[in-house]
Protein backbone atom coordinates (compact mmCIF):
# COMPACT_ATOMS: atom_id res chain seq x y z
CA MET A 1 0.00 0.00 0.00
CA ILE A 2 1.23 3.47 -0.87
CA MET A 3 1.16 5.90 2.05
CA THR A 4 0.93 9.65 1.47
CA VAL A 5 2.06 11.86 4.36
CA PHE A 6 1.42 15.59 4.10
CA GLY A 7 1.58 18.59 6.41
CA ILE A 8 -1.36 20.83 7.17
CA THR A 9 -0.67 24.25 8.61
CA GLY A 10 -2.00 27.79 8.90
CA GLY A 11 -2.00 30.79 11.21
CA SER A 12 -4.26 31.43 14.22
CA GLY A 13 -7.90 31.73 13.24
CA SER A 14 -7.40 30.30 9.75
CA GLY A 15 -9.51 27.24 10.50
CA LYS A 16 -6.75 24.61 10.35
CA SER A 17 -8.36 22.51 13.11
CA LEU A 18 -11.71 22.55 11.34
CA VAL A 19 -10.07 21.42 8.09
CA CYS A 20 -8.33 18.61 9.99
CA SER A 21 -11.60 17.44 11.52
CA MET A 22 -13.19 17.44 8.04
CA LEU A 23 -10.29 15.40 6.65
CA ALA A 24 -10.58 13.01 9.60
CA SER A 25 -14.29 12.54 8.80
CA LEU A 26 -13.22 11.50 5.26
CA GLY A 27 -10.85 8.88 6.67
CA VAL A 28 -7.50 10.71 6.78
CA LYS A 29 -5.38 9.88 9.83
CA ILE A 30 -4.48 13.12 11.63
CA ILE A 31 -1.33 13.41 13.73
CA ASP A 32 -1.80 16.44 15.99
CA THR A 33 1.60 17.87 16.90
CA ASP A 34 0.01 19.99 19.67
CA VAL A 35 -1.06 16.80 21.44
CA ILE A 36 2.41 15.29 20.93
CA ALA A 37 4.03 18.50 22.22
CA ARG A 38 2.07 18.07 25.48
CA GLU A 39 2.99 14.38 25.73
CA VAL A 40 6.74 14.81 25.24
CA VAL A 41 7.07 17.23 28.20
CA LYS A 42 5.33 14.98 30.75
CA LYS A 43 6.95 14.68 34.17
CA GLY A 44 10.10 12.56 34.06
CA SER A 45 10.43 12.74 30.26
CA GLU A 46 13.78 13.24 28.53
CA CYS A 47 12.44 16.38 26.89
CA LEU A 48 11.36 17.93 30.20
CA ASN A 49 14.74 17.09 31.75
CA GLU A 50 16.50 18.82 28.88
CA LEU A 51 14.25 21.88 29.28
CA ILE A 52 15.01 21.99 33.03
CA SER A 53 18.76 21.81 32.42
CA TYR A 54 18.54 24.81 30.07
CA PHE A 55 15.78 26.95 31.62
CA GLY A 56 16.14 25.91 35.28
CA ASN A 57 13.71 24.55 37.90
CA ASP A 58 11.61 27.74 37.73
CA ILE A 59 9.67 26.15 34.86
CA LEU A 60 8.21 23.46 37.16
CA LEU A 61 5.04 23.41 39.21
CA ALA A 62 5.23 22.18 42.82
CA ASN A 63 4.23 18.67 41.68
CA GLY A 64 7.12 18.45 39.20
CA GLU A 65 4.96 18.95 36.11
CA LEU A 66 5.85 21.61 33.54
CA ASN A 67 4.49 25.09 34.23
CA ARG A 68 3.69 26.02 30.62
CA ARG A 69 2.88 29.63 31.33
CA GLN A 70 6.15 30.16 33.21
CA LEU A 71 8.16 28.44 30.47
CA ALA A 72 6.47 30.63 27.83
CA SER A 73 7.20 33.83 29.74
CA ILE A 74 10.91 32.91 30.05
CA ALA A 75 11.34 31.37 26.60
CA PHE A 76 9.62 34.14 24.65
CA SER A 77 11.54 36.90 26.42
CA ASP A 78 14.38 36.72 23.90
CA LYS A 79 15.06 35.14 20.53
CA GLU A 80 17.91 32.91 21.67
CA LYS A 81 15.69 31.32 24.34
CA THR A 82 12.78 30.97 21.91
CA ASP A 83 15.06 29.22 19.41
CA MET A 84 16.39 26.93 22.13
CA LEU A 85 12.87 25.98 23.21
CA SER A 86 12.09 25.03 19.58
CA ARG A 87 15.35 23.14 19.18
CA ILE A 88 14.77 21.06 22.30
CA THR A 89 11.08 20.28 21.82
CA HIS A 90 11.02 19.83 18.03
CA LYS A 91 13.41 16.88 17.98
CA TYR A 92 11.22 14.96 20.45
CA ILE A 93 8.04 15.89 18.57
CA LYS A 94 9.65 14.73 15.30
CA GLU A 95 10.78 11.45 16.89
CA ARG A 96 7.27 10.70 18.19
CA THR A 97 5.67 11.73 14.88
CA SER A 98 8.03 9.41 12.95
CA GLU A 99 7.15 6.52 15.28
CA ILE A 100 3.42 7.05 14.72
CA ILE A 101 3.92 7.14 10.92
CA LYS A 102 6.03 3.94 10.99
CA ARG A 103 3.33 2.07 12.91
CA ALA A 104 0.42 3.42 10.85
CA SER A 105 -1.38 1.38 8.21
CA ASP A 106 -3.33 4.31 6.75
CA SER A 107 -2.91 5.39 3.13
CA LEU A 108 -3.37 9.11 3.93
CA ILE A 109 -1.76 10.78 6.94
CA ALA A 110 -1.90 14.50 7.71
CA ILE A 111 0.51 16.06 10.20
CA ASP A 112 -1.35 18.96 11.82
CA GLY A 113 0.98 21.67 13.09
CA ALA A 114 1.21 25.45 13.34
CA VAL A 115 4.95 25.39 12.67
CA ILE A 116 5.69 22.76 10.02
CA ILE A 117 7.23 24.89 7.26
CA GLY A 118 10.97 25.13 7.90
CA SER A 119 10.89 22.72 10.87
CA ASN A 120 12.37 19.22 10.96
CA ILE A 121 8.83 17.80 10.65
CA GLU A 122 8.65 19.16 7.09
CA ASN A 123 11.02 16.36 5.99
CA GLU A 124 8.30 13.82 6.84
CA CYS A 125 5.84 15.51 4.44
CA GLU A 126 5.48 14.92 0.73
CA PHE A 127 3.79 18.30 0.41
CA ILE A 128 2.27 21.09 2.50
CA VAL A 129 -1.34 22.25 2.62
CA SER A 130 -1.95 25.69 4.10
CA VAL A 131 -5.30 26.95 5.38
CA ILE A 132 -5.63 30.70 4.93
CA ALA A 133 -8.27 33.33 5.68
CA ASP A 134 -8.53 37.11 5.49
CA ARG A 135 -6.95 38.91 8.41
CA ALA A 136 -10.20 40.58 9.55
CA ILE A 137 -11.94 37.20 9.68
CA ARG A 138 -9.06 35.62 11.59
CA ILE A 139 -9.07 38.52 14.09
CA ARG A 140 -12.81 38.03 14.68
CA ARG A 141 -12.41 34.26 15.16
CA ILE A 142 -9.55 34.41 17.64
CA LYS A 143 -11.20 37.23 19.61
CA GLU A 144 -14.30 35.07 20.00
CA ARG A 145 -12.39 31.83 20.62
CA ASP A 146 -9.71 33.08 23.03
CA ASN A 147 -11.52 36.08 24.48
CA LEU A 148 -8.85 38.53 23.30
CA THR A 149 -8.97 42.27 22.77
CA ASP A 150 -8.39 43.77 19.30
CA SER A 151 -4.81 44.70 20.10
CA GLU A 152 -4.00 41.25 21.61
CA ALA A 153 -5.44 39.55 18.52
CA ASN A 154 -3.49 41.84 16.19
CA ARG A 155 -0.28 41.24 18.15
CA ARG A 156 -0.74 37.49 17.87
CA LEU A 157 -1.18 37.68 14.09
CA ASP A 158 1.74 40.11 13.71
CA ALA A 159 4.00 37.50 15.35
CA GLN A 160 3.03 34.88 12.75
CA PRO A 161 4.01 34.49 9.09
CA ASP A 162 1.86 36.30 6.54
CA GLU A 163 -0.30 34.79 3.82
CA HIS A 164 2.46 35.12 1.20
CA PHE A 165 4.72 32.88 3.33
CA TYR A 166 2.09 30.11 3.41
CA ARG A 167 1.28 30.45 -0.28
CA SER A 168 4.94 30.31 -1.33
CA HIS A 169 5.66 27.13 0.69
CA SER A 170 2.53 25.11 -0.05
CA LYS A 171 1.44 22.82 -2.84
CA TYR A 172 -2.24 23.29 -1.90
CA ILE A 173 -4.11 26.24 -0.43
CA ILE A 174 -7.49 25.94 1.27
CA SER A 175 -9.20 29.31 1.70
CA ASN A 176 -11.58 29.63 4.64
CA ASN A 177 -13.43 32.93 4.26
CA GLY A 178 -16.95 31.57 3.77
CA SER A 179 -19.34 29.06 5.27
CA GLU A 180 -18.47 25.60 6.60
CA GLN A 181 -20.26 24.10 3.60
CA GLU A 182 -18.00 26.04 1.21
CA LEU A 183 -14.97 24.95 3.21
CA PHE A 184 -16.04 21.31 3.13
CA LYS A 185 -16.43 21.48 -0.68
CA GLN A 186 -12.78 22.59 -0.98
CA VAL A 187 -11.62 19.95 1.49
CA LYS A 188 -13.53 17.22 -0.36
CA SER A 189 -12.13 18.21 -3.75
CA PHE A 190 -8.57 18.34 -2.30
CA TYR A 191 -9.16 14.91 -0.75
CA ASN A 192 -10.39 13.48 -4.07
CA GLU A 193 -7.41 14.99 -5.88
CA ILE A 194 -4.78 13.43 -3.60
CA ARG A 195 -6.59 10.09 -3.80
CA GLY A 196 -6.51 10.38 -7.57
CA VAL A 197 -10.30 10.12 -7.82
């Protein structure tokens, strides 16, 4: 059996998770790198130990679990620390992703991740699919979803790559500016295309 592994990405509020759930409903196996990222930093894990040796014990809660908020506030305070956080966590995420792919018997596998383009996970993918949406729509969605103010939502989007970045690194683009029905039509036609139907 031929297995096709592809990456699916997009900025906050683009609708990447919705596209993944639609693909899952069509029978595509989804590997969620957010879930893996939470698993690899569990108490006692190699990844957590490596984070502690670089960032110190301040990143732990009293029970020895990772204090995500504290790690974020330290790691995102300067670029060197942000890069180090990515370097440490990405190799463990890639390792776990590769294991899941090796054990899978599915013909279509999508790796769902916000940061696939340019990361070591990209090597696992035959091609990249990016979900995009107009900025104003994305702002509205993330304000509603995460209860953010206008300026917080704008800041979040400013910190992420722009639409041109996604377009220039992707084989397929799914545009999510309309209704869920319109989105599903695009997802279904993409699905049929990669299955060669």
